[in-house]
Amino acid sequence: MELLSRIRAERAEMPEALRKVAEVILADPAEAARSTIVDLAERSGTSTATITRLCRALGFGGYAELRVALATETGRAAQQHWETDIGQEILPGDGLDRVLGVVAGNDIRLIQETAAQLDLATVEKVAGAIAQAGRVLLFGVSSSAAVANEMEYRLQRIRVPTWSRSDAHSALTDAALLGQGDVAIGISHSGRTREAIEVLAEAGSHGAITVAVTSHPRSPLAEVAELVVTTSSRETTFRSEGFAAIHSQLLVLDVIYVSVAQRTYERTRKAFDLTVRAVTGHRLPEGDT
């Protein structure tokens, strides 16, 4: 995972002192890369010892290594001339051309961050489990429910028995009927949606393989899951982190879906042929108005 994406994902789970440093770094990564350890401690209202603890928590031997990593990452972003930066605002009077630039720039960056940090070994395990599953249960609420519904449609289209739920009671009863070889997938940007945690816990207690799709790899949802697939999010004006995470969630699940289709190629090809023929009569010929 890229450094800034990792800090952003783990910030909520950090102790208060480390979180203060993380927020200063995220507010201006380039300035943090230029700062001495004393400067950064003063700006964050912490101590040099706290900075050192954060470095070690992120896997660095010391502050010098963290500065180099920050400088490298911010340098790449500058070289690629991203139109938007973390935290850029959309004002009420902005024209649609600027709105488009901010939204598109953030979404492009989000997709690239997601791809860069995606653990393909975990994706392989999830796809393999789904390809062999007797039943697949997807659960999400709010915007995550829309993502779950989309994945349900795709998997059903290639003959994977799949159900998507957004109601906790329905999901829990479905989870209680899962067993060995089945798969339960909980989708939550924060990883703190109580219902998603309960559904995965219920499914896991009956032997199902449990998968968390979340932007926070140390969240309660991730803790209860057997496999964790991480997403990313970039909050912009009028779009909260949870809403902005939809594109990242769709990318991750799309990669899993394609991997499942690869594993079940002949079945998938036949299913596509059948379903295309089934709806052909509902499409107007080309040229009709």
C-alpha atoms as a PDB file:
ATOM      1  CA  MET A   1       0.000   0.000   0.000  1.00  0.00           C
ATOM      2  CA  GLU A   2       1.268   3.517  -0.783  1.00  0.00           C
ATOM      3  CA  LEU A   3       2.385   5.331   2.341  1.00  0.00           C
ATOM      4  CA  LEU A   4      -0.228   8.097   2.376  1.00  0.00           C
ATOM      5  CA  SER A   5      -3.020   5.627   1.612  1.00  0.00           C
ATOM      6  CA  ARG A   6      -1.859   3.461   4.486  1.00  0.00           C
ATOM      7  CA  ILE A   7      -1.702   6.396   6.910  1.00  0.00           C
ATOM      8  CA  ARG A   8      -5.165   7.484   5.809  1.00  0.00           C
ATOM      9  CA  ALA A   9      -6.556   3.961   6.250  1.00  0.00           C
ATOM     10  CA  GLU A  10      -4.979   3.336   9.672  1.00  0.00           C
ATOM     11  CA  ARG A  11      -5.381   6.820  11.135  1.00  0.00           C
ATOM     12  CA  ALA A  12      -8.685   6.134  12.899  1.00  0.00           C
ATOM     13  CA  GLU A  13      -7.201   3.137  14.732  1.00  0.00           C
ATOM     14  CA  MET A  14      -4.063   4.940  15.913  1.00  0.00           C
ATOM     15  CA  PRO A  15      -3.540   6.167  19.491  1.00  0.00           C
ATOM     16  CA  GLU A  16      -4.382   9.861  19.859  1.00  0.00           C
ATOM     17  CA  ALA A  17      -0.777  11.088  19.816  1.00  0.00           C
ATOM     18  CA  LEU A  18       0.119   9.135  16.679  1.00  0.00           C
ATOM     19  CA  ARG A  19      -3.120  10.259  15.052  1.00  0.00           C
ATOM     20  CA  LYS A  20      -2.163  13.908  15.566  1.00  0.00           C
ATOM     21  CA  VAL A  21       1.084  13.340  13.682  1.00  0.00           C
ATOM     22  CA  ALA A  22      -0.705  11.409  10.942  1.00  0.00           C
ATOM     23  CA  GLU A  23      -3.177  14.245  10.425  1.00  0.00           C
ATOM     24  CA  VAL A  24      -0.381  16.801  10.066  1.00  0.00           C
ATOM     25  CA  ILE A  25       1.360  14.599   7.505  1.00  0.00           C
ATOM     26  CA  LEU A  26      -1.841  14.057   5.507  1.00  0.00           C
ATOM     27  CA  ALA A  27      -2.688  17.772   5.582  1.00  0.00           C
ATOM     28  CA  ASP A  28       0.563  18.617   3.743  1.00  0.00           C
ATOM     29  CA  PRO A  29       2.733  15.608   2.860  1.00  0.00           C
ATOM     30  CA  ALA A  30       5.281  17.680   0.945  1.00  0.00           C
ATOM     31  CA  GLU A  31       5.828  20.015   3.899  1.00  0.00           C
ATOM     32  CA  ALA A  32       6.140  17.032   6.234  1.00  0.00           C
ATOM     33  CA  ALA A  33       8.820  15.582   3.959  1.00  0.00           C
ATOM     34  CA  ARG A  34      10.793  18.834   4.285  1.00  0.00           C
ATOM     35  CA  SER A  35      10.364  19.097   8.053  1.00  0.00           C
ATOM     36  CA  THR A  36      12.856  18.007  10.680  1.00  0.00           C
ATOM     37  CA  ILE A  37      11.630  15.652  13.376  1.00  0.00           C
ATOM     38  CA  VAL A  38      11.553  18.584  15.806  1.00  0.00           C
ATOM     39  CA  ASP A  39       9.501  20.713  13.382  1.00  0.00           C
ATOM     40  CA  LEU A  40       6.975  17.927  12.853  1.00  0.00           C
ATOM     41  CA  ALA A  41       6.677  17.326  16.593  1.00  0.00           C
ATOM     42  CA  GLU A  42       5.989  21.022  17.206  1.00  0.00           C
ATOM     43  CA  ARG A  43       3.422  21.284  14.396  1.00  0.00           C
ATOM     44  CA  SER A  44       1.539  18.229  15.654  1.00  0.00           C
ATOM     45  CA  GLY A  45       1.741  19.191  19.318  1.00  0.00           C
ATOM     46  CA  THR A  46       3.534  15.961  20.182  1.00  0.00           C
ATOM     47  CA  SER A  47       7.135  14.894  20.844  1.00  0.00           C
ATOM     48  CA  THR A  48      10.035  13.490  18.862  1.00  0.00           C
ATOM     49  CA  ALA A  49       9.486  10.181  20.653  1.00  0.00           C
ATOM     50  CA  THR A  50       5.940  10.079  19.282  1.00  0.00           C
ATOM     51  CA  ILE A  51       7.240  10.704  15.754  1.00  0.00           C
ATOM     52  CA  THR A  52       9.668   7.821  16.177  1.00  0.00           C
ATOM     53  CA  ARG A  53       6.845   5.551  17.404  1.00  0.00           C
ATOM     54  CA  LEU A  54       4.802   6.395  14.317  1.00  0.00           C
ATOM     55  CA  CYS A  55       7.763   5.614  12.064  1.00  0.00           C
ATOM     56  CA  ARG A  56       8.151   2.192  13.632  1.00  0.00           C
ATOM     57  CA  ALA A  57       4.411   1.530  13.482  1.00  0.00           C
ATOM     58  CA  LEU A  58       4.592   2.184   9.734  1.00  0.00           C
ATOM     59  CA  GLY A  59       7.556  -0.148   9.335  1.00  0.00           C
ATOM     60  CA  PHE A  60      10.376   2.398   9.102  1.00  0.00           C
ATOM     61  CA  GLY A  61      13.622   2.252  11.042  1.00  0.00           C
ATOM     62  CA  GLY A  62      13.504   5.954  11.849  1.00  0.00           C
ATOM     63  CA  TYR A  63      12.354   9.398  10.770  1.00  0.00           C
ATOM     64  CA  ALA A  64      14.905   9.693   7.973  1.00  0.00           C
ATOM     65  CA  GLU A  65      13.338   6.703   6.195  1.00  0.00           C
ATOM     66  CA  LEU A  66       9.848   8.159   6.621  1.00  0.00           C
ATOM     67  CA  ARG A  67      10.950  11.494   5.110  1.00  0.00           C
ATOM     68  CA  VAL A  68      12.446   9.754   2.099  1.00  0.00           C
ATOM     69  CA  ALA A  69       9.262   7.754   1.545  1.00  0.00           C
ATOM     70  CA  LEU A  70       7.119  10.905   1.823  1.00  0.00           C
ATOM     71  CA  ALA A  71       9.377  12.825  -0.543  1.00  0.00           C
ATOM     72  CA  THR A  72       9.308   9.986  -3.065  1.00  0.00           C
ATOM     73  CA  GLU A  73       5.539   9.689  -3.000  1.00  0.00           C
ATOM     74  CA  THR A  74       4.794  13.407  -3.149  1.00  0.00           C
ATOM     75  CA  GLY A  75       7.384  13.782  -5.896  1.00  0.00           C
ATOM     76  CA  ARG A  76       5.629  11.180  -8.023  1.00  0.00           C
ATOM     77  CA  ALA A  77       2.291  12.934  -7.571  1.00  0.00           C
ATOM     78  CA  ALA A  78       3.789  16.272  -8.584  1.00  0.00           C
ATOM     79  CA  GLN A  79       5.464  14.762 -11.629  1.00  0.00           C
ATOM     80  CA  GLN A  80       2.187  13.235 -12.796  1.00  0.00           C
ATOM     81  CA  HIS A  81       0.508  16.680 -12.550  1.00  0.00           C
ATOM     82  CA  TRP A  82      -2.602  15.625 -10.681  1.00  0.00           C
ATOM     83  CA  GLU A  83      -5.233  18.315 -11.015  1.00  0.00           C
ATOM     84  CA  THR A  84      -6.393  17.807  -7.444  1.00  0.00           C
ATOM     85  CA  ASP A  85      -4.693  17.238  -4.136  1.00  0.00           C
ATOM     86  CA  ILE A  86      -5.849  15.767  -0.836  1.00  0.00           C
ATOM     87  CA  GLY A  87      -8.424  18.020   0.771  1.00  0.00           C
ATOM     88  CA  GLN A  88      -9.110  20.293  -2.234  1.00  0.00           C
ATOM     89  CA  GLU A  89     -12.507  21.917  -1.860  1.00  0.00           C
ATOM     90  CA  ILE A  90     -15.370  22.514  -4.291  1.00  0.00           C
ATOM     91  CA  LEU A  91     -16.944  25.900  -3.604  1.00  0.00           C
ATOM     92  CA  PRO A  92     -20.630  26.792  -4.229  1.00  0.00           C
ATOM     93  CA  GLY A  93     -19.674  29.181  -7.030  1.00  0.00           C
ATOM     94  CA  ASP A  94     -17.288  26.862  -8.876  1.00  0.00           C
ATOM     95  CA  GLY A  95     -18.062  26.121 -12.512  1.00  0.00           C
ATOM     96  CA  LEU A  96     -18.801  22.619 -13.743  1.00  0.00           C
ATOM     97  CA  ASP A  97     -15.422  22.442 -15.479  1.00  0.00           C
ATOM     98  CA  ARG A  98     -13.666  22.746 -12.115  1.00  0.00           C
ATOM     99  CA  VAL A  99     -16.137  20.384 -10.426  1.00  0.00           C
ATOM    100  CA  LEU A 100     -15.420  17.825 -13.144  1.00  0.00           C
ATOM    101  CA  GLY A 101     -11.665  18.285 -12.719  1.00  0.00           C
ATOM    102  CA  VAL A 102     -11.758  17.822  -8.941  1.00  0.00           C
ATOM    103  CA  VAL A 103     -14.108  14.821  -9.002  1.00  0.00           C
ATOM    104  CA  ALA A 104     -12.379  13.088 -11.923  1.00  0.00           C
ATOM    105  CA  GLY A 105      -8.912  13.751 -10.527  1.00  0.00           C
ATOM    106  CA  ASN A 106      -9.795  12.357  -7.128  1.00  0.00           C
ATOM    107  CA  ASP A 107     -11.494   9.295  -8.604  1.00  0.00           C
ATOM    108  CA  ILE A 108      -8.558   8.564 -10.932  1.00  0.00           C
ATOM    109  CA  ARG A 109      -6.141   8.849  -8.053  1.00  0.00           C
ATOM    110  CA  LEU A 110      -8.411   6.695  -5.890  1.00  0.00           C
ATOM    111  CA  ILE A 111      -8.509   3.915  -8.478  1.00  0.00           C
ATOM    112  CA  GLN A 112      -4.733   3.975  -8.820  1.00  0.00           C
ATOM    113  CA  GLU A 113      -4.238   3.895  -5.039  1.00  0.00           C
ATOM    114  CA  THR A 114      -6.610   0.953  -4.782  1.00  0.00           C
ATOM    115  CA  ALA A 115      -4.785  -0.970  -7.489  1.00  0.00           C
ATOM    116  CA  ALA A 116      -1.388  -0.213  -5.946  1.00  0.00           C
ATOM    117  CA  GLN A 117      -2.308  -1.524  -2.492  1.00  0.00           C
ATOM    118  CA  LEU A 118      -4.503  -4.463  -3.516  1.00  0.00           C
ATOM    119  CA  ASP A 119      -3.241  -7.765  -2.111  1.00  0.00           C
ATOM    120  CA  LEU A 120      -3.540 -10.061  -5.127  1.00  0.00           C
ATOM    121  CA  ALA A 121      -2.780 -13.169  -3.078  1.00  0.00           C
ATOM    122  CA  THR A 122      -5.884 -12.462  -0.999  1.00  0.00           C
ATOM    123  CA  VAL A 123      -7.909 -11.739  -4.134  1.00  0.00           C
ATOM    124  CA  GLU A 124      -6.856 -15.146  -5.468  1.00  0.00           C
ATOM    125  CA  LYS A 125      -8.084 -16.852  -2.296  1.00  0.00           C
ATOM    126  CA  VAL A 126     -11.419 -15.006  -2.350  1.00  0.00           C
ATOM    127  CA  ALA A 127     -12.007 -15.736  -6.043  1.00  0.00           C
ATOM    128  CA  GLY A 128     -11.106 -19.397  -5.579  1.00  0.00           C
ATOM    129  CA  ALA A 129     -13.531 -19.722  -2.666  1.00  0.00           C
ATOM    130  CA  ILE A 130     -16.373 -18.069  -4.605  1.00  0.00           C
ATOM    131  CA  ALA A 131     -15.766 -20.222  -7.695  1.00  0.00           C
ATOM    132  CA  GLN A 132     -16.257 -23.364  -5.587  1.00  0.00           C
ATOM    133  CA  ALA A 133     -18.908 -22.024  -3.207  1.00  0.00           C
ATOM    134  CA  GLY A 134     -22.310 -23.620  -2.774  1.00  0.00           C
ATOM    135  CA  ARG A 135     -23.715 -20.232  -1.751  1.00  0.00           C
ATOM    136  CA  VAL A 136     -22.388 -16.681  -1.575  1.00  0.00           C
ATOM    137  CA  LEU A 137     -23.913 -14.074   0.744  1.00  0.00           C
ATOM    138  CA  LEU A 138     -23.134 -10.374   0.273  1.00  0.00           C
ATOM    139  CA  PHE A 139     -24.032  -7.785   2.899  1.00  0.00           C
ATOM    140  CA  GLY A 140     -23.791  -4.002   2.950  1.00  0.00           C
ATOM    141  CA  VAL A 141     -25.867  -1.046   4.063  1.00  0.00           C
ATOM    142  CA  SER A 142     -26.373   2.380   2.503  1.00  0.00           C
ATOM    143  CA  SER A 143     -23.945   2.929  -0.409  1.00  0.00           C
ATOM    144  CA  SER A 144     -22.260  -0.402   0.299  1.00  0.00           C
ATOM    145  CA  ALA A 145     -25.610  -2.099  -0.361  1.00  0.00           C
ATOM    146  CA  ALA A 146     -25.566  -0.775  -3.932  1.00  0.00           C
ATOM    147  CA  VAL A 147     -22.090  -2.239  -4.398  1.00  0.00           C
ATOM    148  CA  ALA A 148     -23.256  -5.589  -2.974  1.00  0.00           C
ATOM    149  CA  ASN A 149     -26.247  -5.603  -5.350  1.00  0.00           C
ATOM    150  CA  GLU A 150     -23.975  -5.046  -8.337  1.00  0.00           C
ATOM    151  CA  MET A 151     -21.712  -7.932  -7.333  1.00  0.00           C
ATOM    152  CA  GLU A 152     -24.780 -10.146  -6.809  1.00  0.00           C
ATOM    153  CA  TYR A 153     -25.942  -9.431 -10.367  1.00  0.00           C
ATOM    154  CA  ARG A 154     -22.529 -10.204 -11.861  1.00  0.00           C
ATOM    155  CA  LEU A 155     -22.035 -13.467  -9.999  1.00  0.00           C
ATOM    156  CA  GLN A 156     -25.578 -14.662 -10.669  1.00  0.00           C
ATOM    157  CA  ARG A 157     -24.993 -13.964 -14.370  1.00  0.00           C
ATOM    158  CA  ILE A 158     -22.219 -16.591 -14.376  1.00  0.00           C
ATOM    159  CA  ARG A 159     -24.214 -19.130 -12.350  1.00  0.00           C
ATOM    160  CA  VAL A 160     -22.737 -18.522  -8.934  1.00  0.00           C
ATOM    161  CA  PRO A 161     -25.578 -18.894  -6.371  1.00  0.00           C
ATOM    162  CA  THR A 162     -25.467 -15.446  -4.774  1.00  0.00           C
ATOM    163  CA  TRP A 163     -27.709 -13.394  -2.476  1.00  0.00           C
ATOM    164  CA  SER A 164     -27.294  -9.747  -1.540  1.00  0.00           C
ATOM    165  CA  ARG A 165     -28.862  -8.400   1.636  1.00  0.00           C
ATOM    166  CA  SER A 166     -29.076  -4.976   3.268  1.00  0.00           C
ATOM    167  CA  ASP A 167     -31.568  -5.905   5.983  1.00  0.00           C
ATOM    168  CA  ALA A 168     -29.793  -7.263   9.062  1.00  0.00           C
ATOM    169  CA  HIS A 169     -32.502  -9.776   9.997  1.00  0.00           C
ATOM    170  CA  SER A 170     -32.620 -11.294   6.513  1.00  0.00           C
ATOM    171  CA  ALA A 171     -28.831 -11.386   6.328  1.00  0.00           C
ATOM    172  CA  LEU A 172     -28.464 -13.029   9.730  1.00  0.00           C
ATOM    173  CA  THR A 173     -30.973 -15.764   8.880  1.00  0.00           C
ATOM    174  CA  ASP A 174     -29.156 -16.394   5.597  1.00  0.00           C
ATOM    175  CA  ALA A 175     -25.803 -16.419   7.404  1.00  0.00           C
ATOM    176  CA  ALA A 176     -27.107 -18.991   9.894  1.00  0.00           C
ATOM    177  CA  LEU A 177     -27.819 -21.355   6.990  1.00  0.00           C
ATOM    178  CA  LEU A 178     -24.340 -21.122   5.485  1.00  0.00           C
ATOM    179  CA  GLY A 179     -21.802 -23.872   6.058  1.00  0.00           C
ATOM    180  CA  GLN A 180     -18.490 -25.320   4.955  1.00  0.00           C
ATOM    181  CA  GLY A 181     -17.612 -24.215   1.430  1.00  0.00           C
ATOM    182  CA  ASP A 182     -19.970 -21.216   1.469  1.00  0.00           C
ATOM    183  CA  VAL A 183     -18.762 -17.609   1.415  1.00  0.00           C
ATOM    184  CA  ALA A 184     -20.007 -14.495   3.248  1.00  0.00           C
ATOM    185  CA  ILE A 185     -18.767 -11.054   2.172  1.00  0.00           C
ATOM    186  CA  GLY A 186     -19.282  -7.950   4.308  1.00  0.00           C
ATOM    187  CA  ILE A 187     -18.771  -4.546   2.670  1.00  0.00           C
ATOM    188  CA  SER A 188     -18.148  -1.504   4.875  1.00  0.00           C
ATOM    189  CA  HIS A 189     -15.833   1.432   4.208  1.00  0.00           C
ATOM    190  CA  SER A 190     -15.371   2.156   7.914  1.00  0.00           C
ATOM    191  CA  GLY A 191     -15.329  -1.483   8.972  1.00  0.00           C
ATOM    192  CA  ARG A 192     -17.466  -0.454  11.940  1.00  0.00           C
ATOM    193  CA  THR A 193     -20.971  -1.201  10.673  1.00  0.00           C
ATOM    194  CA  ARG A 194     -22.408  -3.305  13.490  1.00  0.00           C
ATOM    195  CA  GLU A 195     -24.738  -5.306  11.258  1.00  0.00           C
ATOM    196  CA  ALA A 196     -21.927  -6.281   8.850  1.00  0.00           C
ATOM    197  CA  ILE A 197     -19.788  -7.454  11.761  1.00  0.00           C
ATOM    198  CA  GLU A 198     -22.656  -9.545  13.148  1.00  0.00           C
ATOM    199  CA  VAL A 199     -23.386 -11.130   9.766  1.00  0.00           C
ATOM    200  CA  LEU A 200     -19.771 -12.201   9.213  1.00  0.00           C
ATOM    201  CA  ALA A 201     -19.501 -13.498  12.772  1.00  0.00           C
ATOM    202  CA  GLU A 202     -22.673 -15.561  12.325  1.00  0.00           C
ATOM    203  CA  ALA A 203     -21.527 -16.961   8.990  1.00  0.00           C
ATOM    204  CA  GLY A 204     -18.092 -17.792  10.348  1.00  0.00           C
ATOM    205  CA  SER A 205     -19.549 -19.628  13.328  1.00  0.00           C
ATOM    206  CA  HIS A 206     -21.165 -22.086  10.891  1.00  0.00           C
ATOM    207  CA  GLY A 207     -17.945 -22.741   8.972  1.00  0.00           C
ATOM    208  CA  ALA A 208     -18.385 -20.336   6.048  1.00  0.00           C
ATOM    209  CA  ILE A 209     -15.395 -18.457   4.643  1.00  0.00           C
ATOM    210  CA  THR A 210     -15.769 -14.800   5.674  1.00  0.00           C
ATOM    211  CA  VAL A 211     -14.451 -11.846   3.663  1.00  0.00           C
ATOM    212  CA  ALA A 212     -14.261  -8.176   4.704  1.00  0.00           C
ATOM    213  CA  VAL A 213     -14.122  -5.444   2.066  1.00  0.00           C
ATOM    214  CA  THR A 214     -13.066  -2.292   3.940  1.00  0.00           C
ATOM    215  CA  SER A 215     -10.766   0.716   3.835  1.00  0.00           C
ATOM    216  CA  HIS A 216      -9.638   0.031   7.409  1.00  0.00           C
ATOM    217  CA  PRO A 217      -7.618  -3.193   7.723  1.00  0.00           C
ATOM    218  CA  ARG A 218      -7.526  -2.975  11.536  1.00  0.00           C
ATOM    219  CA  SER A 219     -11.251  -2.383  11.965  1.00  0.00           C
ATOM    220  CA  PRO A 220     -13.653  -4.649  13.886  1.00  0.00           C
ATOM    221  CA  LEU A 221     -15.016  -6.009  10.589  1.00  0.00           C
ATOM    222  CA  ALA A 222     -11.507  -6.978   9.484  1.00  0.00           C
ATOM    223  CA  GLU A 223     -10.853  -8.609  12.855  1.00  0.00           C
ATOM    224  CA  VAL A 224     -13.858 -10.919  12.527  1.00  0.00           C
ATOM    225  CA  ALA A 225     -13.137 -11.891   8.891  1.00  0.00           C
ATOM    226  CA  GLU A 226     -10.954 -14.729   7.655  1.00  0.00           C
ATOM    227  CA  LEU A 227      -9.865 -12.755   4.568  1.00  0.00           C
ATOM    228  CA  VAL A 228      -9.566  -8.970   4.246  1.00  0.00           C
ATOM    229  CA  VAL A 229      -9.551  -7.029   0.968  1.00  0.00           C
ATOM    230  CA  THR A 230      -8.707  -3.354   1.434  1.00  0.00           C
ATOM    231  CA  THR A 231     -10.160  -0.429  -0.468  1.00  0.00           C
ATOM    232  CA  SER A 232      -9.327   3.298  -0.501  1.00  0.00           C
ATOM    233  CA  SER A 233     -11.281   6.526  -0.205  1.00  0.00           C
ATOM    234  CA  ARG A 234     -10.754  10.209  -1.009  1.00  0.00           C
ATOM    235  CA  GLU A 235     -13.226  12.593   0.563  1.00  0.00           C
ATOM    236  CA  THR A 236     -14.167  15.700  -1.415  1.00  0.00           C
ATOM    237  CA  THR A 237     -16.723  18.434  -0.838  1.00  0.00           C
ATOM    238  CA  PHE A 238     -20.264  17.002  -0.869  1.00  0.00           C
ATOM    239  CA  ARG A 239     -18.868  13.434  -0.987  1.00  0.00           C
ATOM    240  CA  SER A 240     -18.072  11.762   2.316  1.00  0.00           C
ATOM    241  CA  GLU A 241     -15.381   9.079   2.533  1.00  0.00           C
ATOM    242  CA  GLY A 242     -17.995   6.322   2.567  1.00  0.00           C
ATOM    243  CA  PHE A 243     -19.631   7.647  -0.598  1.00  0.00           C
ATOM    244  CA  ALA A 244     -16.283   8.239  -2.299  1.00  0.00           C
ATOM    245  CA  ALA A 245     -15.205   4.659  -1.527  1.00  0.00           C
ATOM    246  CA  ILE A 246     -17.794   3.198  -3.933  1.00  0.00           C
ATOM    247  CA  HIS A 247     -15.436   3.354  -6.932  1.00  0.00           C
ATOM    248  CA  SER A 248     -12.709   1.592  -4.979  1.00  0.00           C
ATOM    249  CA  GLN A 249     -15.118  -1.097  -3.754  1.00  0.00           C
ATOM    250  CA  LEU A 250     -16.409  -1.683  -7.276  1.00  0.00           C
ATOM    251  CA  LEU A 251     -12.871  -2.018  -8.626  1.00  0.00           C
ATOM    252  CA  VAL A 252     -11.892  -4.581  -5.993  1.00  0.00           C
ATOM    253  CA  LEU A 253     -15.052  -6.645  -6.499  1.00  0.00           C
ATOM    254  CA  ASP A 254     -14.734  -6.378 -10.277  1.00  0.00           C
ATOM    255  CA  VAL A 255     -11.234  -7.869 -10.117  1.00  0.00           C
ATOM    256  CA  ILE A 256     -12.589 -10.682  -7.935  1.00  0.00           C
ATOM    257  CA  TYR A 257     -15.492 -11.251 -10.341  1.00  0.00           C
ATOM    258  CA  VAL A 258     -13.229 -11.486 -13.401  1.00  0.00           C
ATOM    259  CA  SER A 259     -10.957 -13.876 -11.520  1.00  0.00           C
ATOM    260  CA  VAL A 260     -13.968 -16.078 -10.720  1.00  0.00           C
ATOM    261  CA  ALA A 261     -15.023 -15.985 -14.385  1.00  0.00           C
ATOM    262  CA  GLN A 262     -11.531 -17.087 -15.415  1.00  0.00           C
ATOM    263  CA  ARG A 263     -11.742 -20.082 -13.110  1.00  0.00           C
ATOM    264  CA  THR A 264     -15.157 -21.091 -14.470  1.00  0.00           C
ATOM    265  CA  TYR A 265     -14.517 -20.153 -18.093  1.00  0.00           C
ATOM    266  CA  GLU A 266     -16.645 -22.764 -19.882  1.00  0.00           C
ATOM    267  CA  ARG A 267     -19.551 -22.346 -17.474  1.00  0.00           C
ATOM    268  CA  THR A 268     -19.277 -18.568 -17.723  1.00  0.00           C
ATOM    269  CA  ARG A 269     -19.190 -18.574 -21.542  1.00  0.00           C
ATOM    270  CA  LYS A 270     -22.291 -20.773 -21.773  1.00  0.00           C
ATOM    271  CA  ALA A 271     -24.095 -18.639 -19.188  1.00  0.00           C
ATOM    272  CA  PHE A 272     -23.354 -15.467 -21.144  1.00  0.00           C
ATOM    273  CA  ASP A 273     -24.638 -17.036 -24.377  1.00  0.00           C
ATOM    274  CA  LEU A 274     -27.872 -18.131 -22.705  1.00  0.00           C
ATOM    275  CA  THR A 275     -28.546 -14.835 -20.933  1.00  0.00           C
ATOM    276  CA  VAL A 276     -27.781 -12.717 -23.998  1.00  0.00           C
ATOM    277  CA  ARG A 277     -30.252 -14.739 -26.077  1.00  0.00           C
ATOM    278  CA  ALA A 278     -32.862 -14.467 -23.311  1.00  0.00           C
ATOM    279  CA  VAL A 279     -32.983 -10.664 -23.450  1.00  0.00           C
ATOM    280  CA  THR A 280     -32.342 -10.152 -27.178  1.00  0.00           C
ATOM    281  CA  GLY A 281     -36.043  -9.704 -27.891  1.00  0.00           C
ATOM    282  CA  HIS A 282     -36.207  -6.752 -25.497  1.00  0.00           C
ATOM    283  CA  ARG A 283     -33.673  -4.684 -27.420  1.00  0.00           C
ATOM    284  CA  LEU A 284     -34.716  -2.490 -30.326  1.00  0.00           C
ATOM    285  CA  PRO A 285     -32.850  -3.086 -33.588  1.00  0.00           C
ATOM    286  CA  GLU A 286     -30.119  -0.560 -34.370  1.00  0.00           C
ATOM    287  CA  GLY A 287     -31.469   2.474 -36.160  1.00  0.00           C
ATOM    288  CA  ASP A 288     -34.912   2.377 -34.470  1.00  0.00           C
ATOM    289  CA  THR A 289     -35.939   5.398 -32.449  1.00  0.00           C
END
